[in-house]
Amino acid sequence: MGKFVIKKTATGFNFSLYASNKEKIAVSSQVYTAKATCKKGMESVAKFAVKCIEEDKIEDKTLKKPVEKTCPKFEIYFDKAGLYRYRLIASNGESIAMSEEGYKSKNGVLNGIKSVSVNAVGAEIEEEV
């Protein structure tokens, strides 16, 4: 089972998702002004990550001709260093979570996406505020 950790920032709250092996696998894509809103964001990650896996809603922007998917969806893209990364886009089109680090292979990034869907559901919540 995974764990969400909420942290207070200078302007609000953000979260990180850790896998059961204690590796950080995702971070919030934004800073939330209230802790309650941050928790809603975490709930959305759990809900949408599973839905995206079940409905094969992974849009691979690293392909020459990516197949567009409707939101919610995961997007795979290249970062500035040429590594694979993912972000989870909510049904409203906003990014709610993204990979903590880049991956060298497409298999690696796909495993990261699967890890989010497994570890976010039922994850415990820890507050570092």
N, C-alpha and C. Protein backbone atom coordinates (compact mmCIF):
# COMPACT_ATOMS: atom_id res chain seq x y z
N MET A 1 0.84 -1.18 0.00
CA MET A 1 0.00 0.00 0.00
C MET A 1 0.89 1.24 0.00
N GLY A 2 0.48 2.23 -0.78
CA GLY A 2 1.25 3.46 -0.89
C GLY A 2 0.92 4.45 0.22
N LYS A 3 1.56 5.61 0.11
CA LYS A 3 1.34 6.65 1.11
C LYS A 3 1.43 8.02 0.44
N PHE A 4 0.44 8.86 0.71
CA PHE A 4 0.48 10.26 0.32
C PHE A 4 1.07 11.06 1.48
N VAL A 5 1.94 11.99 1.17
CA VAL A 5 2.49 12.89 2.18
C VAL A 5 2.14 14.31 1.77
N ILE A 6 1.45 15.02 2.67
CA ILE A 6 1.09 16.42 2.44
C ILE A 6 2.15 17.29 3.09
N LYS A 7 2.63 18.27 2.34
CA LYS A 7 3.61 19.21 2.88
C LYS A 7 3.10 20.64 2.74
N LYS A 8 3.37 21.43 3.75
CA LYS A 8 3.05 22.86 3.70
C LYS A 8 4.18 23.56 2.97
N THR A 9 3.79 24.47 2.07
CA THR A 9 4.77 25.29 1.35
C THR A 9 4.55 26.74 1.74
N ALA A 10 5.33 27.62 1.19
CA ALA A 10 5.18 29.05 1.49
C ALA A 10 3.82 29.59 1.04
N THR A 11 3.24 28.97 0.02
CA THR A 11 1.98 29.48 -0.53
C THR A 11 0.80 28.53 -0.40
N GLY A 12 0.97 27.40 0.27
CA GLY A 12 -0.13 26.47 0.42
C GLY A 12 0.33 25.06 0.76
N PHE A 13 -0.21 24.07 0.03
CA PHE A 13 0.06 22.67 0.31
C PHE A 13 0.29 21.92 -1.00
N ASN A 14 1.16 20.90 -0.95
CA ASN A 14 1.30 20.00 -2.08
C ASN A 14 1.44 18.58 -1.53
N PHE A 15 1.45 17.59 -2.43
CA PHE A 15 1.56 16.22 -1.97
C PHE A 15 2.57 15.45 -2.81
N SER A 16 3.02 14.36 -2.23
CA SER A 16 3.85 13.38 -2.92
C SER A 16 3.23 12.02 -2.67
N LEU A 17 3.38 11.12 -3.64
CA LEU A 17 2.90 9.75 -3.50
C LEU A 17 4.11 8.84 -3.46
N TYR A 18 4.15 7.98 -2.43
CA TYR A 18 5.23 7.02 -2.26
C TYR A 18 4.68 5.62 -2.47
N ALA A 19 5.47 4.78 -3.15
CA ALA A 19 5.11 3.37 -3.34
C ALA A 19 5.35 2.62 -2.03
N SER A 20 4.89 1.39 -1.99
CA SER A 20 5.07 0.59 -0.77
C SER A 20 6.54 0.35 -0.44
N ASN A 21 7.44 0.48 -1.44
CA ASN A 21 8.88 0.34 -1.18
C ASN A 21 9.52 1.66 -0.74
N LYS A 22 8.69 2.66 -0.45
CA LYS A 22 9.08 3.98 0.04
C LYS A 22 9.72 4.89 -1.02
N GLU A 23 9.64 4.49 -2.29
CA GLU A 23 10.15 5.31 -3.38
C GLU A 23 9.09 6.34 -3.79
N LYS A 24 9.50 7.60 -3.94
CA LYS A 24 8.58 8.64 -4.37
C LYS A 24 8.28 8.44 -5.85
N ILE A 25 7.00 8.27 -6.18
CA ILE A 25 6.64 7.96 -7.56
C ILE A 25 5.85 9.07 -8.25
N ALA A 26 5.29 9.99 -7.49
CA ALA A 26 4.53 11.09 -8.10
C ALA A 26 4.49 12.27 -7.15
N VAL A 27 4.36 13.44 -7.74
CA VAL A 27 4.22 14.67 -6.97
C VAL A 27 3.05 15.47 -7.54
N SER A 28 2.47 16.33 -6.72
CA SER A 28 1.37 17.15 -7.20
C SER A 28 1.89 18.13 -8.25
N SER A 29 1.04 18.43 -9.21
CA SER A 29 1.42 19.34 -10.28
C SER A 29 1.16 20.80 -9.92
N GLN A 30 0.61 21.02 -8.76
CA GLN A 30 0.29 22.38 -8.37
C GLN A 30 0.37 22.53 -6.85
N VAL A 31 0.31 23.77 -6.40
CA VAL A 31 0.23 24.06 -4.97
C VAL A 31 -1.22 24.42 -4.69
N TYR A 32 -1.79 23.77 -3.69
CA TYR A 32 -3.18 24.00 -3.31
C TYR A 32 -3.21 25.02 -2.18
N THR A 33 -4.18 25.92 -2.19
CA THR A 33 -4.25 26.97 -1.17
C THR A 33 -4.76 26.43 0.16
N ALA A 34 -5.51 25.32 0.15
CA ALA A 34 -6.05 24.75 1.39
C ALA A 34 -5.72 23.26 1.48
N LYS A 35 -5.54 22.78 2.68
CA LYS A 35 -5.23 21.37 2.90
C LYS A 35 -6.37 20.48 2.39
N ALA A 36 -7.62 20.92 2.59
CA ALA A 36 -8.77 20.14 2.14
C ALA A 36 -8.75 19.97 0.62
N THR A 37 -8.38 21.01 -0.09
CA THR A 37 -8.31 20.95 -1.55
C THR A 37 -7.17 20.03 -1.99
N CYS A 38 -6.07 20.05 -1.26
CA CYS A 38 -4.95 19.15 -1.53
C CYS A 38 -5.40 17.70 -1.38
N LYS A 39 -6.17 17.42 -0.34
CA LYS A 39 -6.68 16.06 -0.12
C LYS A 39 -7.62 15.65 -1.25
N LYS A 40 -8.41 16.58 -1.76
CA LYS A 40 -9.28 16.28 -2.91
C LYS A 40 -8.44 15.93 -4.12
N GLY A 41 -7.32 16.63 -4.30
CA GLY A 41 -6.40 16.32 -5.39
C GLY A 41 -5.86 14.90 -5.28
N MET A 42 -5.52 14.49 -4.06
CA MET A 42 -5.03 13.12 -3.84
C MET A 42 -6.12 12.10 -4.17
N GLU A 43 -7.35 12.38 -3.77
CA GLU A 43 -8.47 11.50 -4.09
C GLU A 43 -8.64 11.38 -5.60
N SER A 44 -8.47 12.50 -6.30
CA SER A 44 -8.59 12.49 -7.76
C SER A 44 -7.50 11.65 -8.40
N VAL A 45 -6.29 11.70 -7.85
CA VAL A 45 -5.20 10.89 -8.38
C VAL A 45 -5.58 9.41 -8.29
N ALA A 46 -6.07 8.99 -7.14
CA ALA A 46 -6.45 7.58 -6.96
C ALA A 46 -7.56 7.19 -7.94
N LYS A 47 -8.57 8.02 -8.03
CA LYS A 47 -9.72 7.72 -8.89
C LYS A 47 -9.33 7.70 -10.37
N PHE A 48 -8.67 8.75 -10.82
CA PHE A 48 -8.36 8.86 -12.24
C PHE A 48 -7.26 7.91 -12.70
N ALA A 49 -6.29 7.63 -11.85
CA ALA A 49 -5.21 6.72 -12.24
C ALA A 49 -5.76 5.34 -12.55
N VAL A 50 -6.63 4.85 -11.71
CA VAL A 50 -7.24 3.54 -11.93
C VAL A 50 -8.09 3.56 -13.20
N LYS A 51 -8.89 4.60 -13.35
CA LYS A 51 -9.76 4.72 -14.53
C LYS A 51 -8.93 4.73 -15.82
N CYS A 52 -7.83 5.45 -15.80
CA CYS A 52 -6.97 5.54 -17.00
C CYS A 52 -6.38 4.18 -17.37
N ILE A 53 -5.98 3.41 -16.37
CA ILE A 53 -5.43 2.07 -16.64
C ILE A 53 -6.54 1.17 -17.18
N GLU A 54 -7.68 1.17 -16.51
CA GLU A 54 -8.80 0.31 -16.91
C GLU A 54 -9.27 0.62 -18.32
N GLU A 55 -9.27 1.90 -18.70
CA GLU A 55 -9.81 2.32 -20.00
C GLU A 55 -8.72 2.59 -21.04
N ASP A 56 -7.49 2.20 -20.74
CA ASP A 56 -6.36 2.40 -21.66
C ASP A 56 -6.27 3.86 -22.14
N LYS A 57 -6.27 4.76 -21.18
CA LYS A 57 -6.19 6.19 -21.50
C LYS A 57 -4.79 6.70 -21.19
N ILE A 58 -3.84 6.21 -21.97
CA ILE A 58 -2.46 6.66 -21.86
C ILE A 58 -2.08 7.23 -23.22
N GLU A 59 -1.86 8.53 -23.25
CA GLU A 59 -1.51 9.22 -24.49
C GLU A 59 0.01 9.37 -24.55
N ASP A 60 0.59 8.78 -25.57
CA ASP A 60 2.05 8.76 -25.71
C ASP A 60 2.50 9.87 -26.65
N LYS A 61 2.88 10.99 -26.08
CA LYS A 61 3.31 12.15 -26.87
C LYS A 61 4.74 12.00 -27.40
N THR A 62 5.39 10.87 -27.11
CA THR A 62 6.73 10.63 -27.64
C THR A 62 6.67 10.00 -29.04
N LEU A 63 5.49 9.61 -29.47
CA LEU A 63 5.33 9.02 -30.80
C LEU A 63 5.23 10.12 -31.86
N LYS A 64 5.57 9.78 -33.09
CA LYS A 64 5.46 10.76 -34.18
C LYS A 64 4.02 11.17 -34.41
N LYS A 65 3.10 10.21 -34.27
CA LYS A 65 1.67 10.49 -34.43
C LYS A 65 0.93 9.97 -33.21
N PRO A 66 0.95 10.74 -32.12
CA PRO A 66 0.27 10.26 -30.90
C PRO A 66 -1.24 10.14 -31.12
N VAL A 67 -1.82 9.12 -30.51
CA VAL A 67 -3.26 8.93 -30.55
C VAL A 67 -3.86 9.73 -29.40
N GLU A 68 -4.63 10.75 -29.74
CA GLU A 68 -5.22 11.63 -28.72
C GLU A 68 -6.23 10.86 -27.89
N LYS A 69 -6.18 11.04 -26.59
CA LYS A 69 -7.12 10.42 -25.65
C LYS A 69 -7.89 11.53 -24.95
N THR A 70 -9.11 11.23 -24.54
CA THR A 70 -9.90 12.20 -23.80
C THR A 70 -9.49 12.15 -22.32
N CYS A 71 -9.74 13.22 -21.62
CA CYS A 71 -9.43 13.30 -20.20
C CYS A 71 -10.50 12.59 -19.40
N PRO A 72 -10.15 11.99 -18.29
CA PRO A 72 -8.84 11.94 -17.68
C PRO A 72 -7.91 11.01 -18.46
N LYS A 73 -6.61 11.28 -18.35
CA LYS A 73 -5.63 10.47 -19.06
C LYS A 73 -4.25 10.66 -18.45
N PHE A 74 -3.38 9.71 -18.71
CA PHE A 74 -1.96 9.87 -18.46
C PHE A 74 -1.33 10.33 -19.77
N GLU A 75 -0.38 11.22 -19.68
CA GLU A 75 0.41 11.61 -20.84
C GLU A 75 1.85 11.20 -20.60
N ILE A 76 2.46 10.60 -21.60
CA ILE A 76 3.89 10.29 -21.57
C ILE A 76 4.57 11.30 -22.48
N TYR A 77 5.66 11.88 -22.00
CA TYR A 77 6.37 12.89 -22.79
C TYR A 77 7.86 12.82 -22.47
N PHE A 78 8.66 13.52 -23.26
CA PHE A 78 10.09 13.63 -23.00
C PHE A 78 10.35 14.92 -22.23
N ASP A 79 11.23 14.86 -21.23
CA ASP A 79 11.65 16.08 -20.53
C ASP A 79 12.84 16.69 -21.27
N LYS A 80 13.36 17.77 -20.75
CA LYS A 80 14.47 18.48 -21.40
C LYS A 80 15.73 17.63 -21.52
N ALA A 81 15.88 16.66 -20.64
CA ALA A 81 17.05 15.78 -20.68
C ALA A 81 16.84 14.58 -21.61
N GLY A 82 15.67 14.50 -22.24
CA GLY A 82 15.39 13.39 -23.15
C GLY A 82 14.90 12.13 -22.45
N LEU A 83 14.50 12.26 -21.18
CA LEU A 83 13.98 11.12 -20.42
C LEU A 83 12.46 11.09 -20.50
N TYR A 84 11.90 9.89 -20.37
CA TYR A 84 10.45 9.74 -20.36
C TYR A 84 9.89 10.20 -19.01
N ARG A 85 8.76 10.87 -19.08
CA ARG A 85 8.03 11.28 -17.87
C ARG A 85 6.54 11.10 -18.12
N TYR A 86 5.77 11.11 -17.04
CA TYR A 86 4.31 11.06 -17.18
C TYR A 86 3.67 12.15 -16.34
N ARG A 87 2.48 12.51 -16.75
CA ARG A 87 1.64 13.38 -15.93
C ARG A 87 0.22 12.85 -16.03
N LEU A 88 -0.53 13.03 -14.94
CA LEU A 88 -1.93 12.60 -14.89
C LEU A 88 -2.79 13.83 -15.07
N ILE A 89 -3.62 13.80 -16.08
CA ILE A 89 -4.51 14.92 -16.40
C ILE A 89 -5.92 14.55 -15.93
N ALA A 90 -6.52 15.44 -15.14
CA ALA A 90 -7.87 15.20 -14.61
C ALA A 90 -8.92 15.40 -15.70
N SER A 91 -10.16 15.10 -15.39
CA SER A 91 -11.24 15.22 -16.36
C SER A 91 -11.47 16.67 -16.80
N ASN A 92 -11.03 17.64 -15.97
CA ASN A 92 -11.17 19.05 -16.34
C ASN A 92 -9.99 19.56 -17.17
N GLY A 93 -9.04 18.68 -17.51
CA GLY A 93 -7.91 19.04 -18.34
C GLY A 93 -6.69 19.57 -17.59
N GLU A 94 -6.77 19.65 -16.26
CA GLU A 94 -5.64 20.13 -15.47
C GLU A 94 -4.75 18.98 -15.03
N SER A 95 -3.45 19.23 -15.05
CA SER A 95 -2.49 18.25 -14.57
C SER A 95 -2.57 18.21 -13.04
N ILE A 96 -2.72 16.99 -12.48
CA ILE A 96 -2.84 16.88 -11.02
C ILE A 96 -1.65 16.15 -10.39
N ALA A 97 -0.93 15.38 -11.18
CA ALA A 97 0.25 14.68 -10.65
C ALA A 97 1.21 14.40 -11.79
N MET A 98 2.49 14.28 -11.43
CA MET A 98 3.50 13.98 -12.45
C MET A 98 4.61 13.15 -11.83
N SER A 99 5.39 12.54 -12.71
CA SER A 99 6.47 11.69 -12.22
C SER A 99 7.51 12.51 -11.49
N GLU A 100 8.07 11.92 -10.46
CA GLU A 100 9.11 12.58 -9.66
C GLU A 100 10.42 12.65 -10.43
N GLU A 101 10.68 11.62 -11.23
CA GLU A 101 11.95 11.55 -11.95
C GLU A 101 11.70 11.09 -13.37
N GLY A 102 12.70 11.25 -14.22
CA GLY A 102 12.63 10.78 -15.59
C GLY A 102 13.02 9.31 -15.67
N TYR A 103 12.55 8.64 -16.70
CA TYR A 103 12.82 7.23 -16.93
C TYR A 103 13.61 7.08 -18.22
N LYS A 104 14.54 6.13 -18.25
CA LYS A 104 15.36 5.91 -19.44
C LYS A 104 14.60 5.16 -20.53
N SER A 105 13.59 4.38 -20.15
CA SER A 105 12.87 3.56 -21.14
C SER A 105 11.37 3.77 -21.05
N LYS A 106 10.70 3.43 -22.13
CA LYS A 106 9.24 3.51 -22.14
C LYS A 106 8.66 2.48 -21.17
N ASN A 107 9.28 1.31 -21.08
CA ASN A 107 8.82 0.31 -20.13
C ASN A 107 8.87 0.86 -18.71
N GLY A 108 9.93 1.59 -18.40
CA GLY A 108 10.07 2.18 -17.07
C GLY A 108 8.96 3.16 -16.75
N VAL A 109 8.65 4.04 -17.70
CA VAL A 109 7.60 5.02 -17.45
C VAL A 109 6.23 4.35 -17.35
N LEU A 110 6.01 3.31 -18.14
CA LEU A 110 4.74 2.57 -18.05
C LEU A 110 4.62 1.87 -16.70
N ASN A 111 5.71 1.33 -16.20
CA ASN A 111 5.69 0.73 -14.86
C ASN A 111 5.42 1.78 -13.80
N GLY A 112 5.95 3.00 -13.98
CA GLY A 112 5.68 4.09 -13.05
C GLY A 112 4.20 4.45 -13.03
N ILE A 113 3.59 4.50 -14.20
CA ILE A 113 2.15 4.79 -14.30
C ILE A 113 1.35 3.71 -13.57
N LYS A 114 1.68 2.46 -13.81
CA LYS A 114 0.97 1.35 -13.13
C LYS A 114 1.16 1.44 -11.62
N SER A 115 2.35 1.83 -11.20
CA SER A 115 2.62 1.95 -9.77
C SER A 115 1.75 3.02 -9.13
N VAL A 116 1.52 4.12 -9.83
CA VAL A 116 0.64 5.17 -9.30
C VAL A 116 -0.76 4.61 -9.12
N SER A 117 -1.27 3.89 -10.12
CA SER A 117 -2.64 3.38 -10.02
C SER A 117 -2.79 2.37 -8.89
N VAL A 118 -1.74 1.60 -8.61
CA VAL A 118 -1.80 0.61 -7.53
C VAL A 118 -1.62 1.26 -6.16
N ASN A 119 -0.66 2.17 -6.05
CA ASN A 119 -0.31 2.72 -4.74
C ASN A 119 -1.19 3.86 -4.26
N ALA A 120 -1.89 4.53 -5.16
CA ALA A 120 -2.73 5.66 -4.76
C ALA A 120 -4.03 5.21 -4.10
N VAL A 121 -4.55 4.07 -4.53
CA VAL A 121 -5.81 3.58 -4.00
C VAL A 121 -5.62 3.07 -2.58
N GLY A 122 -6.37 3.63 -1.66
CA GLY A 122 -6.29 3.23 -0.27
C GLY A 122 -5.01 3.64 0.45
N ALA A 123 -4.27 4.55 -0.17
CA ALA A 123 -3.00 4.99 0.43
C ALA A 123 -3.26 5.70 1.75
N GLU A 124 -2.35 5.47 2.69
CA GLU A 124 -2.44 6.21 3.95
C GLU A 124 -2.02 7.65 3.68
N ILE A 125 -2.41 8.55 4.56
CA ILE A 125 -2.08 9.96 4.41
C ILE A 125 -1.27 10.40 5.63
N GLU A 126 -0.14 11.01 5.34
CA GLU A 126 0.72 11.54 6.39
C GLU A 126 0.87 13.04 6.14
N GLU A 127 0.83 13.81 7.20
CA GLU A 127 0.96 15.27 7.05
C GLU A 127 2.26 15.74 7.64
N GLU A 128 3.03 16.47 6.83
CA GLU A 128 4.26 17.10 7.29
C GLU A 128 4.04 18.61 7.25
N VAL A 129 3.25 19.10 8.17
CA VAL A 129 2.91 20.54 8.17
C VAL A 129 3.36 21.24 9.42
